[in-house]
PDBML (XML) file of the C-alpha atoms, coordinates in Angstrom:
<?xml version="1.0" encoding="UTF-8" ?>
<PDBx:datablock datablockName="MODEL"
   xmlns:PDBx="http://pdbml.pdb.org/schema/pdbx-v50.xsd"
   xmlns:xsi="http://www.w3.org/2001/XMLSchema-instance"
   xsi:schemaLocation="http://pdbml.pdb.org/schema/pdbx-v50.xsd pdbx-v50.xsd">
   <PDBx:atom_siteCategory>
      <PDBx:atom_site id="1">
         <PDBx:B_iso_or_equiv>0.00</PDBx:B_iso_or_equiv>
         <PDBx:Cartn_x>-81.067</PDBx:Cartn_x>
         <PDBx:Cartn_y>-31.322</PDBx:Cartn_y>
         <PDBx:Cartn_z>32.047</PDBx:Cartn_z>
         <PDBx:auth_asym_id>A</PDBx:auth_asym_id>
         <PDBx:auth_atom_id>CA</PDBx:auth_atom_id>
         <PDBx:auth_comp_id>ARG</PDBx:auth_comp_id>
         <PDBx:auth_seq_id>1</PDBx:auth_seq_id>
         <PDBx:group_PDB>ATOM</PDBx:group_PDB>
         <PDBx:label_alt_id xsi:nil="true" />
         <PDBx:label_asym_id>A</PDBx:label_asym_id>
         <PDBx:label_atom_id>CA</PDBx:label_atom_id>
         <PDBx:label_comp_id>ARG</PDBx:label_comp_id>
         <PDBx:label_entity_id>1</PDBx:label_entity_id>
         <PDBx:label_seq_id>1</PDBx:label_seq_id>
         <PDBx:occupancy>1.00</PDBx:occupancy>
         <PDBx:pdbx_PDB_model_num>1</PDBx:pdbx_PDB_model_num>
         <PDBx:type_symbol>C</PDBx:type_symbol>
      </PDBx:atom_site>
      <PDBx:atom_site id="2">
         <PDBx:B_iso_or_equiv>0.00</PDBx:B_iso_or_equiv>
         <PDBx:Cartn_x>-81.733</PDBx:Cartn_x>
         <PDBx:Cartn_y>-27.438</PDBx:Cartn_y>
         <PDBx:Cartn_z>32.377</PDBx:Cartn_z>
         <PDBx:auth_asym_id>A</PDBx:auth_asym_id>
         <PDBx:auth_atom_id>CA</PDBx:auth_atom_id>
         <PDBx:auth_comp_id>LEU</PDBx:auth_comp_id>
         <PDBx:auth_seq_id>2</PDBx:auth_seq_id>
         <PDBx:group_PDB>ATOM</PDBx:group_PDB>
         <PDBx:label_alt_id xsi:nil="true" />
         <PDBx:label_asym_id>A</PDBx:label_asym_id>
         <PDBx:label_atom_id>CA</PDBx:label_atom_id>
         <PDBx:label_comp_id>LEU</PDBx:label_comp_id>
         <PDBx:label_entity_id>1</PDBx:label_entity_id>
         <PDBx:label_seq_id>2</PDBx:label_seq_id>
         <PDBx:occupancy>1.00</PDBx:occupancy>
         <PDBx:pdbx_PDB_model_num>1</PDBx:pdbx_PDB_model_num>
         <PDBx:type_symbol>C</PDBx:type_symbol>
      </PDBx:atom_site>
      <PDBx:atom_site id="3">
         <PDBx:B_iso_or_equiv>0.00</PDBx:B_iso_or_equiv>
         <PDBx:Cartn_x>-84.074</PDBx:Cartn_x>
         <PDBx:Cartn_y>-28.012</PDBx:Cartn_y>
         <PDBx:Cartn_z>35.017</PDBx:Cartn_z>
         <PDBx:auth_asym_id>A</PDBx:auth_asym_id>
         <PDBx:auth_atom_id>CA</PDBx:auth_atom_id>
         <PDBx:auth_comp_id>SER</PDBx:auth_comp_id>
         <PDBx:auth_seq_id>3</PDBx:auth_seq_id>
         <PDBx:group_PDB>ATOM</PDBx:group_PDB>
         <PDBx:label_alt_id xsi:nil="true" />
         <PDBx:label_asym_id>A</PDBx:label_asym_id>
         <PDBx:label_atom_id>CA</PDBx:label_atom_id>
         <PDBx:label_comp_id>SER</PDBx:label_comp_id>
         <PDBx:label_entity_id>1</PDBx:label_entity_id>
         <PDBx:label_seq_id>3</PDBx:label_seq_id>
         <PDBx:occupancy>1.00</PDBx:occupancy>
         <PDBx:pdbx_PDB_model_num>1</PDBx:pdbx_PDB_model_num>
         <PDBx:type_symbol>C</PDBx:type_symbol>
      </PDBx:atom_site>
      <PDBx:atom_site id="4">
         <PDBx:B_iso_or_equiv>0.00</PDBx:B_iso_or_equiv>
         <PDBx:Cartn_x>-82.136</PDBx:Cartn_x>
         <PDBx:Cartn_y>-30.614</PDBx:Cartn_y>
         <PDBx:Cartn_z>37.174</PDBx:Cartn_z>
         <PDBx:auth_asym_id>A</PDBx:auth_asym_id>
         <PDBx:auth_atom_id>CA</PDBx:auth_atom_id>
         <PDBx:auth_comp_id>LEU</PDBx:auth_comp_id>
         <PDBx:auth_seq_id>4</PDBx:auth_seq_id>
         <PDBx:group_PDB>ATOM</PDBx:group_PDB>
         <PDBx:label_alt_id xsi:nil="true" />
         <PDBx:label_asym_id>A</PDBx:label_asym_id>
         <PDBx:label_atom_id>CA</PDBx:label_atom_id>
         <PDBx:label_comp_id>LEU</PDBx:label_comp_id>
         <PDBx:label_entity_id>1</PDBx:label_entity_id>
         <PDBx:label_seq_id>4</PDBx:label_seq_id>
         <PDBx:occupancy>1.00</PDBx:occupancy>
         <PDBx:pdbx_PDB_model_num>1</PDBx:pdbx_PDB_model_num>
         <PDBx:type_symbol>C</PDBx:type_symbol>
      </PDBx:atom_site>
      <PDBx:atom_site id="5">
         <PDBx:B_iso_or_equiv>0.00</PDBx:B_iso_or_equiv>
         <PDBx:Cartn_x>-78.992</PDBx:Cartn_x>
         <PDBx:Cartn_y>-28.071</PDBx:Cartn_y>
         <PDBx:Cartn_z>36.917</PDBx:Cartn_z>
         <PDBx:auth_asym_id>A</PDBx:auth_asym_id>
         <PDBx:auth_atom_id>CA</PDBx:auth_atom_id>
         <PDBx:auth_comp_id>ALA</PDBx:auth_comp_id>
         <PDBx:auth_seq_id>5</PDBx:auth_seq_id>
         <PDBx:group_PDB>ATOM</PDBx:group_PDB>
         <PDBx:label_alt_id xsi:nil="true" />
         <PDBx:label_asym_id>A</PDBx:label_asym_id>
         <PDBx:label_atom_id>CA</PDBx:label_atom_id>
         <PDBx:label_comp_id>ALA</PDBx:label_comp_id>
         <PDBx:label_entity_id>1</PDBx:label_entity_id>
         <PDBx:label_seq_id>5</PDBx:label_seq_id>
         <PDBx:occupancy>1.00</PDBx:occupancy>
         <PDBx:pdbx_PDB_model_num>1</PDBx:pdbx_PDB_model_num>
         <PDBx:type_symbol>C</PDBx:type_symbol>
      </PDBx:atom_site>
      <PDBx:atom_site id="6">
         <PDBx:B_iso_or_equiv>0.00</PDBx:B_iso_or_equiv>
         <PDBx:Cartn_x>-81.161</PDBx:Cartn_x>
         <PDBx:Cartn_y>-25.340</PDBx:Cartn_y>
         <PDBx:Cartn_z>38.352</PDBx:Cartn_z>
         <PDBx:auth_asym_id>A</PDBx:auth_asym_id>
         <PDBx:auth_atom_id>CA</PDBx:auth_atom_id>
         <PDBx:auth_comp_id>LYS</PDBx:auth_comp_id>
         <PDBx:auth_seq_id>6</PDBx:auth_seq_id>
         <PDBx:group_PDB>ATOM</PDBx:group_PDB>
         <PDBx:label_alt_id xsi:nil="true" />
         <PDBx:label_asym_id>A</PDBx:label_asym_id>
         <PDBx:label_atom_id>CA</PDBx:label_atom_id>
         <PDBx:label_comp_id>LYS</PDBx:label_comp_id>
         <PDBx:label_entity_id>1</PDBx:label_entity_id>
         <PDBx:label_seq_id>6</PDBx:label_seq_id>
         <PDBx:occupancy>1.00</PDBx:occupancy>
         <PDBx:pdbx_PDB_model_num>1</PDBx:pdbx_PDB_model_num>
         <PDBx:type_symbol>C</PDBx:type_symbol>
      </PDBx:atom_site>
      <PDBx:atom_site id="7">
         <PDBx:B_iso_or_equiv>0.00</PDBx:B_iso_or_equiv>
         <PDBx:Cartn_x>-82.612</PDBx:Cartn_x>
         <PDBx:Cartn_y>-27.676</PDBx:Cartn_y>
         <PDBx:Cartn_z>41.323</PDBx:Cartn_z>
         <PDBx:auth_asym_id>A</PDBx:auth_asym_id>
         <PDBx:auth_atom_id>CA</PDBx:auth_atom_id>
         <PDBx:auth_comp_id>VAL</PDBx:auth_comp_id>
         <PDBx:auth_seq_id>7</PDBx:auth_seq_id>
         <PDBx:group_PDB>ATOM</PDBx:group_PDB>
         <PDBx:label_alt_id xsi:nil="true" />
         <PDBx:label_asym_id>A</PDBx:label_asym_id>
         <PDBx:label_atom_id>CA</PDBx:label_atom_id>
         <PDBx:label_comp_id>VAL</PDBx:label_comp_id>
         <PDBx:label_entity_id>1</PDBx:label_entity_id>
         <PDBx:label_seq_id>7</PDBx:label_seq_id>
         <PDBx:occupancy>1.00</PDBx:occupancy>
         <PDBx:pdbx_PDB_model_num>1</PDBx:pdbx_PDB_model_num>
         <PDBx:type_symbol>C</PDBx:type_symbol>
      </PDBx:atom_site>
      <PDBx:atom_site id="8">
         <PDBx:B_iso_or_equiv>0.00</PDBx:B_iso_or_equiv>
         <PDBx:Cartn_x>-78.834</PDBx:Cartn_x>
         <PDBx:Cartn_y>-28.438</PDBx:Cartn_y>
         <PDBx:Cartn_z>41.833</PDBx:Cartn_z>
         <PDBx:auth_asym_id>A</PDBx:auth_asym_id>
         <PDBx:auth_atom_id>CA</PDBx:auth_atom_id>
         <PDBx:auth_comp_id>ALA</PDBx:auth_comp_id>
         <PDBx:auth_seq_id>8</PDBx:auth_seq_id>
         <PDBx:group_PDB>ATOM</PDBx:group_PDB>
         <PDBx:label_alt_id xsi:nil="true" />
         <PDBx:label_asym_id>A</PDBx:label_asym_id>
         <PDBx:label_atom_id>CA</PDBx:label_atom_id>
         <PDBx:label_comp_id>ALA</PDBx:label_comp_id>
         <PDBx:label_entity_id>1</PDBx:label_entity_id>
         <PDBx:label_seq_id>8</PDBx:label_seq_id>
         <PDBx:occupancy>1.00</PDBx:occupancy>
         <PDBx:pdbx_PDB_model_num>1</PDBx:pdbx_PDB_model_num>
         <PDBx:type_symbol>C</PDBx:type_symbol>
      </PDBx:atom_site>
      <PDBx:atom_site id="9">
         <PDBx:B_iso_or_equiv>0.00</PDBx:B_iso_or_equiv>
         <PDBx:Cartn_x>-78.103</PDBx:Cartn_x>
         <PDBx:Cartn_y>-24.687</PDBx:Cartn_y>
         <PDBx:Cartn_z>42.070</PDBx:Cartn_z>
         <PDBx:auth_asym_id>A</PDBx:auth_asym_id>
         <PDBx:auth_atom_id>CA</PDBx:auth_atom_id>
         <PDBx:auth_comp_id>LYS</PDBx:auth_comp_id>
         <PDBx:auth_seq_id>9</PDBx:auth_seq_id>
         <PDBx:group_PDB>ATOM</PDBx:group_PDB>
         <PDBx:label_alt_id xsi:nil="true" />
         <PDBx:label_asym_id>A</PDBx:label_asym_id>
         <PDBx:label_atom_id>CA</PDBx:label_atom_id>
         <PDBx:label_comp_id>LYS</PDBx:label_comp_id>
         <PDBx:label_entity_id>1</PDBx:label_entity_id>
         <PDBx:label_seq_id>9</PDBx:label_seq_id>
         <PDBx:occupancy>1.00</PDBx:occupancy>
         <PDBx:pdbx_PDB_model_num>1</PDBx:pdbx_PDB_model_num>
         <PDBx:type_symbol>C</PDBx:type_symbol>
      </PDBx:atom_site>
      <PDBx:atom_site id="10">
         <PDBx:B_iso_or_equiv>0.00</PDBx:B_iso_or_equiv>
         <PDBx:Cartn_x>-80.987</PDBx:Cartn_x>
         <PDBx:Cartn_y>-24.134</PDBx:Cartn_y>
         <PDBx:Cartn_z>44.569</PDBx:Cartn_z>
         <PDBx:auth_asym_id>A</PDBx:auth_asym_id>
         <PDBx:auth_atom_id>CA</PDBx:auth_atom_id>
         <PDBx:auth_comp_id>GLU</PDBx:auth_comp_id>
         <PDBx:auth_seq_id>10</PDBx:auth_seq_id>
         <PDBx:group_PDB>ATOM</PDBx:group_PDB>
         <PDBx:label_alt_id xsi:nil="true" />
         <PDBx:label_asym_id>A</PDBx:label_asym_id>
         <PDBx:label_atom_id>CA</PDBx:label_atom_id>
         <PDBx:label_comp_id>GLU</PDBx:label_comp_id>
         <PDBx:label_entity_id>1</PDBx:label_entity_id>
         <PDBx:label_seq_id>10</PDBx:label_seq_id>
         <PDBx:occupancy>1.00</PDBx:occupancy>
         <PDBx:pdbx_PDB_model_num>1</PDBx:pdbx_PDB_model_num>
         <PDBx:type_symbol>C</PDBx:type_symbol>
      </PDBx:atom_site>
      <PDBx:atom_site id="11">
         <PDBx:B_iso_or_equiv>0.00</PDBx:B_iso_or_equiv>
         <PDBx:Cartn_x>-79.869</PDBx:Cartn_x>
         <PDBx:Cartn_y>-26.943</PDBx:Cartn_y>
         <PDBx:Cartn_z>46.732</PDBx:Cartn_z>
         <PDBx:auth_asym_id>A</PDBx:auth_asym_id>
         <PDBx:auth_atom_id>CA</PDBx:auth_atom_id>
         <PDBx:auth_comp_id>LYS</PDBx:auth_comp_id>
         <PDBx:auth_seq_id>11</PDBx:auth_seq_id>
         <PDBx:group_PDB>ATOM</PDBx:group_PDB>
         <PDBx:label_alt_id xsi:nil="true" />
         <PDBx:label_asym_id>A</PDBx:label_asym_id>
         <PDBx:label_atom_id>CA</PDBx:label_atom_id>
         <PDBx:label_comp_id>LYS</PDBx:label_comp_id>
         <PDBx:label_entity_id>1</PDBx:label_entity_id>
         <PDBx:label_seq_id>11</PDBx:label_seq_id>
         <PDBx:occupancy>1.00</PDBx:occupancy>
         <PDBx:pdbx_PDB_model_num>1</PDBx:pdbx_PDB_model_num>
         <PDBx:type_symbol>C</PDBx:type_symbol>
      </PDBx:atom_site>
      <PDBx:atom_site id="12">
         <PDBx:B_iso_or_equiv>0.00</PDBx:B_iso_or_equiv>
         <PDBx:Cartn_x>-76.190</PDBx:Cartn_x>
         <PDBx:Cartn_y>-25.355</PDBx:Cartn_y>
         <PDBx:Cartn_z>46.954</PDBx:Cartn_z>
         <PDBx:auth_asym_id>A</PDBx:auth_asym_id>
         <PDBx:auth_atom_id>CA</PDBx:auth_atom_id>
         <PDBx:auth_comp_id>ILE</PDBx:auth_comp_id>
         <PDBx:auth_seq_id>12</PDBx:auth_seq_id>
         <PDBx:group_PDB>ATOM</PDBx:group_PDB>
         <PDBx:label_alt_id xsi:nil="true" />
         <PDBx:label_asym_id>A</PDBx:label_asym_id>
         <PDBx:label_atom_id>CA</PDBx:label_atom_id>
         <PDBx:label_comp_id>ILE</PDBx:label_comp_id>
         <PDBx:label_entity_id>1</PDBx:label_entity_id>
         <PDBx:label_seq_id>12</PDBx:label_seq_id>
         <PDBx:occupancy>1.00</PDBx:occupancy>
         <PDBx:pdbx_PDB_model_num>1</PDBx:pdbx_PDB_model_num>
         <PDBx:type_symbol>C</PDBx:type_symbol>
      </PDBx:atom_site>
      <PDBx:atom_site id="13">
         <PDBx:B_iso_or_equiv>0.00</PDBx:B_iso_or_equiv>
         <PDBx:Cartn_x>-77.593</PDBx:Cartn_x>
         <PDBx:Cartn_y>-22.065</PDBx:Cartn_y>
         <PDBx:Cartn_z>47.676</PDBx:Cartn_z>
         <PDBx:auth_asym_id>A</PDBx:auth_asym_id>
         <PDBx:auth_atom_id>CA</PDBx:auth_atom_id>
         <PDBx:auth_comp_id>GLU</PDBx:auth_comp_id>
         <PDBx:auth_seq_id>13</PDBx:auth_seq_id>
         <PDBx:group_PDB>ATOM</PDBx:group_PDB>
         <PDBx:label_alt_id xsi:nil="true" />
         <PDBx:label_asym_id>A</PDBx:label_asym_id>
         <PDBx:label_atom_id>CA</PDBx:label_atom_id>
         <PDBx:label_comp_id>GLU</PDBx:label_comp_id>
         <PDBx:label_entity_id>1</PDBx:label_entity_id>
         <PDBx:label_seq_id>13</PDBx:label_seq_id>
         <PDBx:occupancy>1.00</PDBx:occupancy>
         <PDBx:pdbx_PDB_model_num>1</PDBx:pdbx_PDB_model_num>
         <PDBx:type_symbol>C</PDBx:type_symbol>
      </PDBx:atom_site>
      <PDBx:atom_site id="14">
         <PDBx:B_iso_or_equiv>0.00</PDBx:B_iso_or_equiv>
         <PDBx:Cartn_x>-79.699</PDBx:Cartn_x>
         <PDBx:Cartn_y>-23.427</PDBx:Cartn_y>
         <PDBx:Cartn_z>50.570</PDBx:Cartn_z>
         <PDBx:auth_asym_id>A</PDBx:auth_asym_id>
         <PDBx:auth_atom_id>CA</PDBx:auth_atom_id>
         <PDBx:auth_comp_id>GLU</PDBx:auth_comp_id>
         <PDBx:auth_seq_id>14</PDBx:auth_seq_id>
         <PDBx:group_PDB>ATOM</PDBx:group_PDB>
         <PDBx:label_alt_id xsi:nil="true" />
         <PDBx:label_asym_id>A</PDBx:label_asym_id>
         <PDBx:label_atom_id>CA</PDBx:label_atom_id>
         <PDBx:label_comp_id>GLU</PDBx:label_comp_id>
         <PDBx:label_entity_id>1</PDBx:label_entity_id>
         <PDBx:label_seq_id>14</PDBx:label_seq_id>
         <PDBx:occupancy>1.00</PDBx:occupancy>
         <PDBx:pdbx_PDB_model_num>1</PDBx:pdbx_PDB_model_num>
         <PDBx:type_symbol>C</PDBx:type_symbol>
      </PDBx:atom_site>
      <PDBx:atom_site id="15">
         <PDBx:B_iso_or_equiv>0.00</PDBx:B_iso_or_equiv>
         <PDBx:Cartn_x>-76.629</PDBx:Cartn_x>
         <PDBx:Cartn_y>-25.071</PDBx:Cartn_y>
         <PDBx:Cartn_z>52.056</PDBx:Cartn_z>
         <PDBx:auth_asym_id>A</PDBx:auth_asym_id>
         <PDBx:auth_atom_id>CA</PDBx:auth_atom_id>
         <PDBx:auth_comp_id>SER</PDBx:auth_comp_id>
         <PDBx:auth_seq_id>15</PDBx:auth_seq_id>
         <PDBx:group_PDB>ATOM</PDBx:group_PDB>
         <PDBx:label_alt_id xsi:nil="true" />
         <PDBx:label_asym_id>A</PDBx:label_asym_id>
         <PDBx:label_atom_id>CA</PDBx:label_atom_id>
         <PDBx:label_comp_id>SER</PDBx:label_comp_id>
         <PDBx:label_entity_id>1</PDBx:label_entity_id>
         <PDBx:label_seq_id>15</PDBx:label_seq_id>
         <PDBx:occupancy>1.00</PDBx:occupancy>
         <PDBx:pdbx_PDB_model_num>1</PDBx:pdbx_PDB_model_num>
         <PDBx:type_symbol>C</PDBx:type_symbol>
      </PDBx:atom_site>
      <PDBx:atom_site id="16">
         <PDBx:B_iso_or_equiv>0.00</PDBx:B_iso_or_equiv>
         <PDBx:Cartn_x>-74.773</PDBx:Cartn_x>
         <PDBx:Cartn_y>-21.566</PDBx:Cartn_y>
         <PDBx:Cartn_z>51.499</PDBx:Cartn_z>
         <PDBx:auth_asym_id>A</PDBx:auth_asym_id>
         <PDBx:auth_atom_id>CA</PDBx:auth_atom_id>
         <PDBx:auth_comp_id>ARG</PDBx:auth_comp_id>
         <PDBx:auth_seq_id>16</PDBx:auth_seq_id>
         <PDBx:group_PDB>ATOM</PDBx:group_PDB>
         <PDBx:label_alt_id xsi:nil="true" />
         <PDBx:label_asym_id>A</PDBx:label_asym_id>
         <PDBx:label_atom_id>CA</PDBx:label_atom_id>
         <PDBx:label_comp_id>ARG</PDBx:label_comp_id>
         <PDBx:label_entity_id>1</PDBx:label_entity_id>
         <PDBx:label_seq_id>16</PDBx:label_seq_id>
         <PDBx:occupancy>1.00</PDBx:occupancy>
         <PDBx:pdbx_PDB_model_num>1</PDBx:pdbx_PDB_model_num>
         <PDBx:type_symbol>C</PDBx:type_symbol>
      </PDBx:atom_site>
      <PDBx:atom_site id="17">
         <PDBx:B_iso_or_equiv>0.00</PDBx:B_iso_or_equiv>
         <PDBx:Cartn_x>-77.671</PDBx:Cartn_x>
         <PDBx:Cartn_y>-19.939</PDBx:Cartn_y>
         <PDBx:Cartn_z>53.397</PDBx:Cartn_z>
         <PDBx:auth_asym_id>A</PDBx:auth_asym_id>
         <PDBx:auth_atom_id>CA</PDBx:auth_atom_id>
         <PDBx:auth_comp_id>THR</PDBx:auth_comp_id>
         <PDBx:auth_seq_id>17</PDBx:auth_seq_id>
         <PDBx:group_PDB>ATOM</PDBx:group_PDB>
         <PDBx:label_alt_id xsi:nil="true" />
         <PDBx:label_asym_id>A</PDBx:label_asym_id>
         <PDBx:label_atom_id>CA</PDBx:label_atom_id>
         <PDBx:label_comp_id>THR</PDBx:label_comp_id>
         <PDBx:label_entity_id>1</PDBx:label_entity_id>
         <PDBx:label_seq_id>17</PDBx:label_seq_id>
         <PDBx:occupancy>1.00</PDBx:occupancy>
         <PDBx:pdbx_PDB_model_num>1</PDBx:pdbx_PDB_model_num>
         <PDBx:type_symbol>C</PDBx:type_symbol>
      </PDBx:atom_site>
      <PDBx:atom_site id="18">
         <PDBx:B_iso_or_equiv>0.00</PDBx:B_iso_or_equiv>
         <PDBx:Cartn_x>-77.257</PDBx:Cartn_x>
         <PDBx:Cartn_y>-22.426</PDBx:Cartn_y>
         <PDBx:Cartn_z>56.323</PDBx:Cartn_z>
         <PDBx:auth_asym_id>A</PDBx:auth_asym_id>
         <PDBx:auth_atom_id>CA</PDBx:auth_atom_id>
         <PDBx:auth_comp_id>ARG</PDBx:auth_comp_id>
         <PDBx:auth_seq_id>18</PDBx:auth_seq_id>
         <PDBx:group_PDB>ATOM</PDBx:group_PDB>
         <PDBx:label_alt_id xsi:nil="true" />
         <PDBx:label_asym_id>A</PDBx:label_asym_id>
         <PDBx:label_atom_id>CA</PDBx:label_atom_id>
         <PDBx:label_comp_id>ARG</PDBx:label_comp_id>
         <PDBx:label_entity_id>1</PDBx:label_entity_id>
         <PDBx:label_seq_id>18</PDBx:label_seq_id>
         <PDBx:occupancy>1.00</PDBx:occupancy>
         <PDBx:pdbx_PDB_model_num>1</PDBx:pdbx_PDB_model_num>
         <PDBx:type_symbol>C</PDBx:type_symbol>
      </PDBx:atom_site>
      <PDBx:atom_site id="19">
         <PDBx:B_iso_or_equiv>0.00</PDBx:B_iso_or_equiv>
         <PDBx:Cartn_x>-73.634</PDBx:Cartn_x>
         <PDBx:Cartn_y>-21.781</PDBx:Cartn_y>
         <PDBx:Cartn_z>56.376</PDBx:Cartn_z>
         <PDBx:auth_asym_id>A</PDBx:auth_asym_id>
         <PDBx:auth_atom_id>CA</PDBx:auth_atom_id>
         <PDBx:auth_comp_id>LEU</PDBx:auth_comp_id>
         <PDBx:auth_seq_id>19</PDBx:auth_seq_id>
         <PDBx:group_PDB>ATOM</PDBx:group_PDB>
         <PDBx:label_alt_id xsi:nil="true" />
         <PDBx:label_asym_id>A</PDBx:label_asym_id>
         <PDBx:label_atom_id>CA</PDBx:label_atom_id>
         <PDBx:label_comp_id>LEU</PDBx:label_comp_id>
         <PDBx:label_entity_id>1</PDBx:label_entity_id>
         <PDBx:label_seq_id>19</PDBx:label_seq_id>
         <PDBx:occupancy>1.00</PDBx:occupancy>
         <PDBx:pdbx_PDB_model_num>1</PDBx:pdbx_PDB_model_num>
         <PDBx:type_symbol>C</PDBx:type_symbol>
      </PDBx:atom_site>
      <PDBx:atom_site id="20">
         <PDBx:B_iso_or_equiv>0.00</PDBx:B_iso_or_equiv>
         <PDBx:Cartn_x>-73.878</PDBx:Cartn_x>
         <PDBx:Cartn_y>-17.957</PDBx:Cartn_y>
         <PDBx:Cartn_z>56.533</PDBx:Cartn_z>
         <PDBx:auth_asym_id>A</PDBx:auth_asym_id>
         <PDBx:auth_atom_id>CA</PDBx:auth_atom_id>
         <PDBx:auth_comp_id>ARG</PDBx:auth_comp_id>
         <PDBx:auth_seq_id>20</PDBx:auth_seq_id>
         <PDBx:group_PDB>ATOM</PDBx:group_PDB>
         <PDBx:label_alt_id xsi:nil="true" />
         <PDBx:label_asym_id>A</PDBx:label_asym_id>
         <PDBx:label_atom_id>CA</PDBx:label_atom_id>
         <PDBx:label_comp_id>ARG</PDBx:label_comp_id>
         <PDBx:label_entity_id>1</PDBx:label_entity_id>
         <PDBx:label_seq_id>20</PDBx:label_seq_id>
         <PDBx:occupancy>1.00</PDBx:occupancy>
         <PDBx:pdbx_PDB_model_num>1</PDBx:pdbx_PDB_model_num>
         <PDBx:type_symbol>C</PDBx:type_symbol>
      </PDBx:atom_site>
      <PDBx:atom_site id="21">
         <PDBx:B_iso_or_equiv>0.00</PDBx:B_iso_or_equiv>
         <PDBx:Cartn_x>-76.501</PDBx:Cartn_x>
         <PDBx:Cartn_y>-18.323</PDBx:Cartn_y>
         <PDBx:Cartn_z>59.390</PDBx:Cartn_z>
         <PDBx:auth_asym_id>A</PDBx:auth_asym_id>
         <PDBx:auth_atom_id>CA</PDBx:auth_atom_id>
         <PDBx:auth_comp_id>SER</PDBx:auth_comp_id>
         <PDBx:auth_seq_id>21</PDBx:auth_seq_id>
         <PDBx:group_PDB>ATOM</PDBx:group_PDB>
         <PDBx:label_alt_id xsi:nil="true" />
         <PDBx:label_asym_id>A</PDBx:label_asym_id>
         <PDBx:label_atom_id>CA</PDBx:label_atom_id>
         <PDBx:label_comp_id>SER</PDBx:label_comp_id>
         <PDBx:label_entity_id>1</PDBx:label_entity_id>
         <PDBx:label_seq_id>21</PDBx:label_seq_id>
         <PDBx:occupancy>1.00</PDBx:occupancy>
         <PDBx:pdbx_PDB_model_num>1</PDBx:pdbx_PDB_model_num>
         <PDBx:type_symbol>C</PDBx:type_symbol>
      </PDBx:atom_site>
      <PDBx:atom_site id="22">
         <PDBx:B_iso_or_equiv>0.00</PDBx:B_iso_or_equiv>
         <PDBx:Cartn_x>-73.874</PDBx:Cartn_x>
         <PDBx:Cartn_y>-20.488</PDBx:Cartn_y>
         <PDBx:Cartn_z>61.372</PDBx:Cartn_z>
         <PDBx:auth_asym_id>A</PDBx:auth_asym_id>
         <PDBx:auth_atom_id>CA</PDBx:auth_atom_id>
         <PDBx:auth_comp_id>ALA</PDBx:auth_comp_id>
         <PDBx:auth_seq_id>22</PDBx:auth_seq_id>
         <PDBx:group_PDB>ATOM</PDBx:group_PDB>
         <PDBx:label_alt_id xsi:nil="true" />
         <PDBx:label_asym_id>A</PDBx:label_asym_id>
         <PDBx:label_atom_id>CA</PDBx:label_atom_id>
         <PDBx:label_comp_id>ALA</PDBx:label_comp_id>
         <PDBx:label_entity_id>1</PDBx:label_entity_id>
         <PDBx:label_seq_id>22</PDBx:label_seq_id>
         <PDBx:occupancy>1.00</PDBx:occupancy>
         <PDBx:pdbx_PDB_model_num>1</PDBx:pdbx_PDB_model_num>
         <PDBx:type_symbol>C</PDBx:type_symbol>
      </PDBx:atom_site>
      <PDBx:atom_site id="23">
         <PDBx:B_iso_or_equiv>0.00</PDBx:B_iso_or_equiv>
         <PDBx:Cartn_x>-71.298</PDBx:Cartn_x>
         <PDBx:Cartn_y>-17.777</PDBx:Cartn_y>
         <PDBx:Cartn_z>60.538</PDBx:Cartn_z>
         <PDBx:auth_asym_id>A</PDBx:auth_asym_id>
         <PDBx:auth_atom_id>CA</PDBx:auth_atom_id>
         <PDBx:auth_comp_id>ARG</PDBx:auth_comp_id>
         <PDBx:auth_seq_id>23</PDBx:auth_seq_id>
         <PDBx:group_PDB>ATOM</PDBx:group_PDB>
         <PDBx:label_alt_id xsi:nil="true" />
         <PDBx:label_asym_id>A</PDBx:label_asym_id>
         <PDBx:label_atom_id>CA</PDBx:label_atom_id>
         <PDBx:label_comp_id>ARG</PDBx:label_comp_id>
         <PDBx:label_entity_id>1</PDBx:label_entity_id>
         <PDBx:label_seq_id>23</PDBx:label_seq_id>
         <PDBx:occupancy>1.00</PDBx:occupancy>
         <PDBx:pdbx_PDB_model_num>1</PDBx:pdbx_PDB_model_num>
         <PDBx:type_symbol>C</PDBx:type_symbol>
      </PDBx:atom_site>
      <PDBx:atom_site id="24">
         <PDBx:B_iso_or_equiv>0.00</PDBx:B_iso_or_equiv>
         <PDBx:Cartn_x>-73.328</PDBx:Cartn_x>
         <PDBx:Cartn_y>-14.987</PDBx:Cartn_y>
         <PDBx:Cartn_z>61.796</PDBx:Cartn_z>
         <PDBx:auth_asym_id>A</PDBx:auth_asym_id>
         <PDBx:auth_atom_id>CA</PDBx:auth_atom_id>
         <PDBx:auth_comp_id>ASP</PDBx:auth_comp_id>
         <PDBx:auth_seq_id>24</PDBx:auth_seq_id>
         <PDBx:group_PDB>ATOM</PDBx:group_PDB>
         <PDBx:label_alt_id xsi:nil="true" />
         <PDBx:label_asym_id>A</PDBx:label_asym_id>
         <PDBx:label_atom_id>CA</PDBx:label_atom_id>
         <PDBx:label_comp_id>ASP</PDBx:label_comp_id>
         <PDBx:label_entity_id>1</PDBx:label_entity_id>
         <PDBx:label_seq_id>24</PDBx:label_seq_id>
         <PDBx:occupancy>1.00</PDBx:occupancy>
         <PDBx:pdbx_PDB_model_num>1</PDBx:pdbx_PDB_model_num>
         <PDBx:type_symbol>C</PDBx:type_symbol>
      </PDBx:atom_site>
   </PDBx:atom_siteCategory>
</PDBx:datablock>
């Protein structure tokens, strides 16, 4: 459960990075 939660956070962070790139 902990490792899945960590993976979920990583996926969201990847999406945030894509969003920041588009914003820039």
